[in-house]
PDB file of all heavy atoms in Angstrom:
ATOM      1  N   LEU A   1      47.521  74.255-180.685  1.00  0.00           N
ATOM      2  CA  LEU A   1      48.436  75.383-180.770  1.00  0.00           C
ATOM      3  C   LEU A   1      47.934  76.601-180.010  1.00  0.00           C
ATOM      4  O   LEU A   1      46.729  76.800-179.833  1.00  0.00           O
ATOM      5  CB  LEU A   1      48.703  75.745-182.232  1.00  0.00           C
ATOM      6  CG  LEU A   1      47.519  76.158-183.117  1.00  0.00           C
ATOM      7  CD1 LEU A   1      47.313  77.666-183.086  1.00  0.00           C
ATOM      8  CD2 LEU A   1      47.724  75.694-184.552  1.00  0.00           C
ATOM      9  N   VAL A   2      48.900  77.406-179.557  1.00  0.00           N
ATOM     10  CA  VAL A   2      48.632  78.729-179.003  1.00  0.00           C
ATOM     11  C   VAL A   2      49.392  79.729-179.868  1.00  0.00           C
ATOM     12  O   VAL A   2      50.493  79.432-180.340  1.00  0.00           O
ATOM     13  CB  VAL A   2      49.057  78.862-177.527  1.00  0.00           C
ATOM     14  CG1 VAL A   2      48.251  77.946-176.643  1.00  0.00           C
ATOM     15  CG2 VAL A   2      50.547  78.613-177.352  1.00  0.00           C
ATOM     16  N   ALA A   3      48.814  80.906-180.072  1.00  0.00           N
ATOM     17  CA  ALA A   3      49.442  81.910-180.926  1.00  0.00           C
ATOM     18  C   ALA A   3      49.068  83.299-180.457  1.00  0.00           C
ATOM     19  O   ALA A   3      47.967  83.521-179.930  1.00  0.00           O
ATOM     20  CB  ALA A   3      49.004  81.709-182.385  1.00  0.00           C
ATOM     21  N   SER A   4      49.973  84.236-180.655  1.00  0.00           N
ATOM     22  CA  SER A   4      49.680  85.622-180.312  1.00  0.00           C
ATOM     23  C   SER A   4      48.622  86.180-181.257  1.00  0.00           C
ATOM     24  O   SER A   4      48.455  85.700-182.379  1.00  0.00           O
ATOM     25  CB  SER A   4      50.956  86.465-180.389  1.00  0.00           C
ATOM     26  OG  SER A   4      51.521  86.393-181.689  1.00  0.00           O
ATOM     27  N   ASP A   5      47.916  87.201-180.791  1.00  0.00           N
ATOM     28  CA  ASP A   5      46.792  87.724-181.575  1.00  0.00           C
ATOM     29  C   ASP A   5      47.207  88.804-182.567  1.00  0.00           C
ATOM     30  O   ASP A   5      46.496  89.802-182.755  1.00  0.00           O
ATOM     31  CB  ASP A   5      45.685  88.236-180.648  1.00  0.00           C
ATOM     32  CG  ASP A   5      46.127  89.411-179.777  1.00  0.00           C
ATOM     33  OD1 ASP A   5      47.336  89.742-179.766  1.00  0.00           O
ATOM     34  OD2 ASP A   5      45.267  89.997-179.086  1.00  0.00           O
ATOM     35  N   VAL A   6      48.353  88.611-183.230  1.00  0.00           N
ATOM     36  CA  VAL A   6      48.740  89.537-184.300  1.00  0.00           C
ATOM     37  C   VAL A   6      47.822  89.299-185.500  1.00  0.00           C
ATOM     38  O   VAL A   6      47.199  88.243-185.633  1.00  0.00           O
ATOM     39  CB  VAL A   6      50.226  89.350-184.690  1.00  0.00           C
ATOM     40  CG1 VAL A   6      51.137  89.728-183.530  1.00  0.00           C
ATOM     41  CG2 VAL A   6      50.514  87.920-185.154  1.00  0.00           C
ATOM     42  N   GLY A   7      47.771  90.290-186.384  1.00  0.00           N
ATOM     43  CA  GLY A   7      46.843  90.220-187.512  1.00  0.00           C
ATOM     44  C   GLY A   7      47.029  89.005-188.390  1.00  0.00           C
ATOM     45  O   GLY A   7      46.054  88.397-188.856  1.00  0.00           O
ATOM     46  N   GLY A   8      48.294  88.627-188.639  1.00  0.00           N
ATOM     47  CA  GLY A   8      48.550  87.460-189.478  1.00  0.00           C
ATOM     48  C   GLY A   8      47.999  86.179-188.897  1.00  0.00           C
ATOM     49  O   GLY A   8      47.557  85.289-189.631  1.00  0.00           O
ATOM     50  N   HIS A   9      48.001  86.065-187.561  1.00  0.00           N
ATOM     51  CA  HIS A   9      47.431  84.880-186.910  1.00  0.00           C
ATOM     52  C   HIS A   9      45.907  84.927-186.886  1.00  0.00           C
ATOM     53  O   HIS A   9      45.238  83.901-187.092  1.00  0.00           O
ATOM     54  CB  HIS A   9      47.955  84.762-185.478  1.00  0.00           C
ATOM     55  CG  HIS A   9      49.364  84.259-185.385  1.00  0.00           C
ATOM     56  ND1 HIS A   9      50.189  84.523-184.311  1.00  0.00           N
ATOM     57  CD2 HIS A   9      50.106  83.496-186.244  1.00  0.00           C
ATOM     58  CE1 HIS A   9      51.365  83.947-184.512  1.00  0.00           C
ATOM     59  NE2 HIS A   9      51.334  83.331-185.670  1.00  0.00           N
ATOM     60  N   LYS A  10      45.360  86.104-186.634  1.00  0.00           N
ATOM     61  CA  LYS A  10      43.897  86.207-186.546  1.00  0.00           C
ATOM     62  C   LYS A  10      43.221  85.904-187.871  1.00  0.00           C
ATOM     63  O   LYS A  10      42.053  85.496-187.896  1.00  0.00           O
ATOM     64  CB  LYS A  10      43.501  87.600-186.037  1.00  0.00           C
ATOM     65  CG  LYS A  10      43.824  87.820-184.570  1.00  0.00           C
ATOM     66  CD  LYS A  10      43.132  89.033-183.985  1.00  0.00           C
ATOM     67  CE  LYS A  10      43.703  90.323-184.510  1.00  0.00           C
ATOM     68  NZ  LYS A  10      43.121  91.498-183.814  1.00  0.00           N
ATOM     69  N   GLU A  11      43.955  86.085-188.975  1.00  0.00           N
ATOM     70  CA  GLU A  11      43.398  85.754-190.283  1.00  0.00           C
ATOM     71  C   GLU A  11      43.311  84.240-190.489  1.00  0.00           C
ATOM     72  O   GLU A  11      42.553  83.768-191.332  1.00  0.00           O
ATOM     73  CB  GLU A  11      44.262  86.395-191.381  1.00  0.00           C
ATOM     74  CG  GLU A  11      43.595  86.451-192.738  1.00  0.00           C
ATOM     75  CD  GLU A  11      44.360  87.292-193.749  1.00  0.00           C
ATOM     76  OE1 GLU A  11      44.878  88.364-193.376  1.00  0.00           O
ATOM     77  OE2 GLU A  11      44.449  86.860-194.908  1.00  0.00           O
ATOM     78  N   LEU A  12      44.086  83.481-189.692  1.00  0.00           N
ATOM     79  CA  LEU A  12      44.145  82.028-189.860  1.00  0.00           C
ATOM     80  C   LEU A  12      43.455  81.249-188.751  1.00  0.00           C
ATOM     81  O   LEU A  12      42.868  80.196-189.004  1.00  0.00           O
ATOM     82  CB  LEU A  12      45.613  81.565-189.894  1.00  0.00           C
ATOM     83  CG  LEU A  12      46.513  82.052-191.018  1.00  0.00           C
ATOM     84  CD1 LEU A  12      47.921  81.510-190.802  1.00  0.00           C
ATOM     85  CD2 LEU A  12      45.965  81.618-192.365  1.00  0.00           C
ATOM     86  N   ILE A  13      43.563  81.737-187.513  1.00  0.00           N
ATOM     87  CA  ILE A  13      43.184  80.941-186.337  1.00  0.00           C
ATOM     88  C   ILE A  13      41.903  81.480-185.720  1.00  0.00           C
ATOM     89  O   ILE A  13      41.811  82.671-185.396  1.00  0.00           O
ATOM     90  CB  ILE A  13      44.323  80.958-185.290  1.00  0.00           C
ATOM     91  CG1 ILE A  13      45.608  80.384-185.909  1.00  0.00           C
ATOM     92  CG2 ILE A  13      43.923  80.167-184.041  1.00  0.00           C
ATOM     93  CD1 ILE A  13      46.858  80.712-185.121  1.00  0.00           C
ATOM     94  N   ARG A  14      40.930  80.609-185.553  1.00  0.00           N
ATOM     95  CA  ARG A  14      39.672  80.990-184.900  1.00  0.00           C
ATOM     96  C   ARG A  14      39.783  80.636-183.423  1.00  0.00           C
ATOM     97  O   ARG A  14      39.824  79.460-183.062  1.00  0.00           O
ATOM     98  CB  ARG A  14      38.509  80.258-185.568  1.00  0.00           C
ATOM     99  CG  ARG A  14      38.330  80.661-187.030  1.00  0.00           C
ATOM    100  CD  ARG A  14      37.423  79.718-187.793  1.00  0.00           C
ATOM    101  NE  ARG A  14      37.320  80.113-189.195  1.00  0.00           N
ATOM    102  CZ  ARG A  14      36.835  79.338-190.157  1.00  0.00           C
ATOM    103  NH1 ARG A  14      36.400  78.112-189.870  1.00  0.00           N
ATOM    104  NH2 ARG A  14      36.777  79.776-191.405  1.00  0.00           N
ATOM    105  N   HIS A  15      39.835  81.683-182.602  1.00  0.00           N
ATOM    106  CA  HIS A  15      40.097  81.494-181.177  1.00  0.00           C
ATOM    107  C   HIS A  15      39.066  80.568-180.535  1.00  0.00           C
ATOM    108  O   HIS A  15      37.856  80.744-180.686  1.00  0.00           O
ATOM    109  CB  HIS A  15      40.083  82.851-180.466  1.00  0.00           C
ATOM    110  CG  HIS A  15      40.300  82.756-178.988  1.00  0.00           C
ATOM    111  ND1 HIS A  15      41.466  82.281-178.434  1.00  0.00           N
ATOM    112  CD2 HIS A  15      39.485  83.053-177.941  1.00  0.00           C
ATOM    113  CE1 HIS A  15      41.371  82.299-177.119  1.00  0.00           C
ATOM    114  NE2 HIS A  15      40.178  82.763-176.800  1.00  0.00           N
ATOM    115  N   GLY A  16      39.583  79.563-179.843  1.00  0.00           N
ATOM    116  CA  GLY A  16      38.714  78.627-179.153  1.00  0.00           C
ATOM    117  C   GLY A  16      38.123  77.561-180.042  1.00  0.00           C
ATOM    118  O   GLY A  16      37.465  76.640-179.549  1.00  0.00           O
ATOM    119  N   GLU A  17      38.355  77.664-181.354  1.00  0.00           N
ATOM    120  CA  GLU A  17      37.804  76.680-182.298  1.00  0.00           C
ATOM    121  C   GLU A  17      38.909  75.875-182.971  1.00  0.00           C
ATOM    122  O   GLU A  17      38.889  74.643-182.953  1.00  0.00           O
ATOM    123  CB  GLU A  17      36.951  77.381-183.356  1.00  0.00           C
ATOM    124  CG  GLU A  17      36.326  76.420-184.352  1.00  0.00           C
ATOM    125  CD  GLU A  17      35.525  77.133-185.422  1.00  0.00           C
ATOM    126  OE1 GLU A  17      35.187  78.326-185.236  1.00  0.00           O
ATOM    127  OE2 GLU A  17      35.239  76.497-186.463  1.00  0.00           O
ATOM    128  N   THR A  18      39.890  76.589-183.563  1.00  0.00           N
ATOM    129  CA  THR A  18      40.995  75.882-184.225  1.00  0.00           C
ATOM    130  C   THR A  18      42.318  76.073-183.484  1.00  0.00           C
ATOM    131  O   THR A  18      43.328  75.480-183.861  1.00  0.00           O
ATOM    132  CB  THR A  18      41.162  76.359-185.676  1.00  0.00           C
ATOM    133  OG1 THR A  18      41.464  77.766-185.677  1.00  0.00           O
ATOM    134  CG2 THR A  18      39.891  76.116-186.474  1.00  0.00           C
ATOM    135  N   GLY A  19      42.312  76.905-182.469  1.00  0.00           N
ATOM    136  CA  GLY A  19      43.510  77.171-181.682  1.00  0.00           C
ATOM    137  C   GLY A  19      43.184  78.217-180.635  1.00  0.00           C
ATOM    138  O   GLY A  19      42.047  78.697-180.553  1.00  0.00           O
ATOM    139  N   MET A  20      44.192  78.585-179.847  1.00  0.00           N
ATOM    140  CA  MET A  20      43.986  79.584-178.797  1.00  0.00           C
ATOM    141  C   MET A  20      44.879  80.784-179.060  1.00  0.00           C
ATOM    142  O   MET A  20      46.090  80.642-179.285  1.00  0.00           O
ATOM    143  CB  MET A  20      44.300  78.992-177.418  1.00  0.00           C
ATOM    144  CG  MET A  20      43.495  77.740-177.079  1.00  0.00           C
ATOM    145  SD  MET A  20      41.707  78.000-177.079  1.00  0.00           S
ATOM    146  CE  MET A  20      41.561  79.055-175.617  1.00  0.00           C
ATOM    147  N   LEU A  21      44.281  81.972-179.032  1.00  0.00           N
ATOM    148  CA  LEU A  21      45.023  83.215-179.208  1.00  0.00           C
ATOM    149  C   LEU A  21      45.237  83.884-177.857  1.00  0.00           C
ATOM    150  O   LEU A  21      44.404  83.775-176.963  1.00  0.00           O
ATOM    151  CB  LEU A  21      44.261  84.165-180.138  1.00  0.00           C
ATOM    152  CG  LEU A  21      44.054  83.688-181.583  1.00  0.00           C
ATOM    153  CD1 LEU A  21      43.111  84.634-182.320  1.00  0.00           C
ATOM    154  CD2 LEU A  21      45.393  83.598-182.315  1.00  0.00           C
ATOM    155  N   PHE A  22      46.354  84.586-177.724  1.00  0.00           N
ATOM    156  CA  PHE A  22      46.624  85.351-176.505  1.00  0.00           C
ATOM    157  C   PHE A  22      47.153  86.727-176.896  1.00  0.00           C
ATOM    158  O   PHE A  22      47.608  86.930-178.023  1.00  0.00           O
ATOM    159  CB  PHE A  22      47.631  84.630-175.602  1.00  0.00           C
ATOM    160  CG  PHE A  22      49.012  84.513-176.193  1.00  0.00           C
ATOM    161  CD1 PHE A  22      49.961  85.499-175.987  1.00  0.00           C
ATOM    162  CD2 PHE A  22      49.361  83.418-176.977  1.00  0.00           C
ATOM    163  CE1 PHE A  22      51.225  85.411-176.550  1.00  0.00           C
ATOM    164  CE2 PHE A  22      50.623  83.314-177.541  1.00  0.00           C
ATOM    165  CZ  PHE A  22      51.561  84.311-177.324  1.00  0.00           C
ATOM    166  N   LYS A  23      47.103  87.669-175.977  1.00  0.00           N
ATOM    167  CA  LYS A  23      47.510  89.045-176.255  1.00  0.00           C
ATOM    168  C   LYS A  23      48.998  89.091-176.583  1.00  0.00           C
ATOM    169  O   LYS A  23      49.844  88.680-175.786  1.00  0.00           O
ATOM    170  CB  LYS A  23      47.209  89.947-175.064  1.00  0.00           C
ATOM    171  CG  LYS A  23      47.555  91.416-175.308  1.00  0.00           C
ATOM    172  CD  LYS A  23      47.104  92.287-174.159  1.00  0.00           C
ATOM    173  CE  LYS A  23      47.523  93.739-174.374  1.00  0.00           C
ATOM    174  NZ  LYS A  23      47.019  94.282-175.658  1.00  0.00           N
ATOM    175  N   ALA A  24      49.321  89.587-177.766  1.00  0.00           N
ATOM    176  CA  ALA A  24      50.709  89.668-178.206  1.00  0.00           C
ATOM    177  C   ALA A  24      51.542  90.487-177.227  1.00  0.00           C
ATOM    178  O   ALA A  24      51.108  91.528-176.730  1.00  0.00           O
ATOM    179  CB  ALA A  24      50.786  90.288-179.605  1.00  0.00           C
ATOM    180  N   GLY A  25      52.735  89.999-176.939  1.00  0.00           N
ATOM    181  CA  GLY A  25      53.656  90.716-176.077  1.00  0.00           C
ATOM    182  C   GLY A  25      53.462  90.490-174.595  1.00  0.00           C
ATOM    183  O   GLY A  25      54.253  90.976-173.782  1.00  0.00           O
ATOM    184  N   SER A  26      52.424  89.751-174.205  1.00  0.00           N
ATOM    185  CA  SER A  26      52.131  89.530-172.789  1.00  0.00           C
ATOM    186  C   SER A  26      52.574  88.135-172.356  1.00  0.00           C
ATOM    187  O   SER A  26      51.971  87.130-172.745  1.00  0.00           O
ATOM    188  CB  SER A  26      50.635  89.702-172.514  1.00  0.00           C
ATOM    189  OG  SER A  26      50.314  89.291-171.197  1.00  0.00           O
ATOM    190  N   LYS A  27      53.616  88.080-171.526  1.00  0.00           N
ATOM    191  CA  LYS A  27      54.071  86.769-171.037  1.00  0.00           C
ATOM    192  C   LYS A  27      53.029  86.135-170.121  1.00  0.00           C
ATOM    193  O   LYS A  27      52.885  84.900-170.096  1.00  0.00           O
ATOM    194  CB  LYS A  27      55.405  86.908-170.309  1.00  0.00           C
ATOM    195  CG  LYS A  27      55.368  87.706-169.021  1.00  0.00           C
ATOM    196  CD  LYS A  27      56.725  87.745-168.352  1.00  0.00           C
ATOM    197  CE  LYS A  27      56.670  88.492-167.013  1.00  0.00           C
ATOM    198  NZ  LYS A  27      57.994  88.537-166.354  1.00  0.00           N
ATOM    199  N   ASP A  28      52.279  86.966-169.397  1.00  0.00           N
ATOM    200  CA  ASP A  28      51.252  86.425-168.507  1.00  0.00           C
ATOM    201  C   ASP A  28      50.112  85.797-169.307  1.00  0.00           C
ATOM    202  O   ASP A  28      49.597  84.736-168.944  1.00  0.00           O
ATOM    203  CB  ASP A  28      50.714  87.525-167.592  1.00  0.00           C
ATOM    204  CG  ASP A  28      51.757  88.024-166.599  1.00  0.00           C
ATOM    205  OD1 ASP A  28      52.685  87.261-166.283  1.00  0.00           O
ATOM    206  OD2 ASP A  28      51.651  89.186-166.164  1.00  0.00           O
ATOM    207  N   ALA A  29      49.719  86.473-170.406  1.00  0.00           N
ATOM    208  CA  ALA A  29      48.646  85.930-171.244  1.00  0.00           C
ATOM    209  C   ALA A  29      49.082  84.631-171.906  1.00  0.00           C
ATOM    210  O   ALA A  29      48.296  83.690-172.040  1.00  0.00           O
ATOM    211  CB  ALA A  29      48.234  86.959-172.293  1.00  0.00           C
TER     212      ALA A  29
END
């Protein structure tokens, strides 16, 4: 999964370990 880095996601998803986070609101990210 990929998910935006909003607070609700960051509480659940460990970037690079359980999923990938990207900058919220950025289509390029």
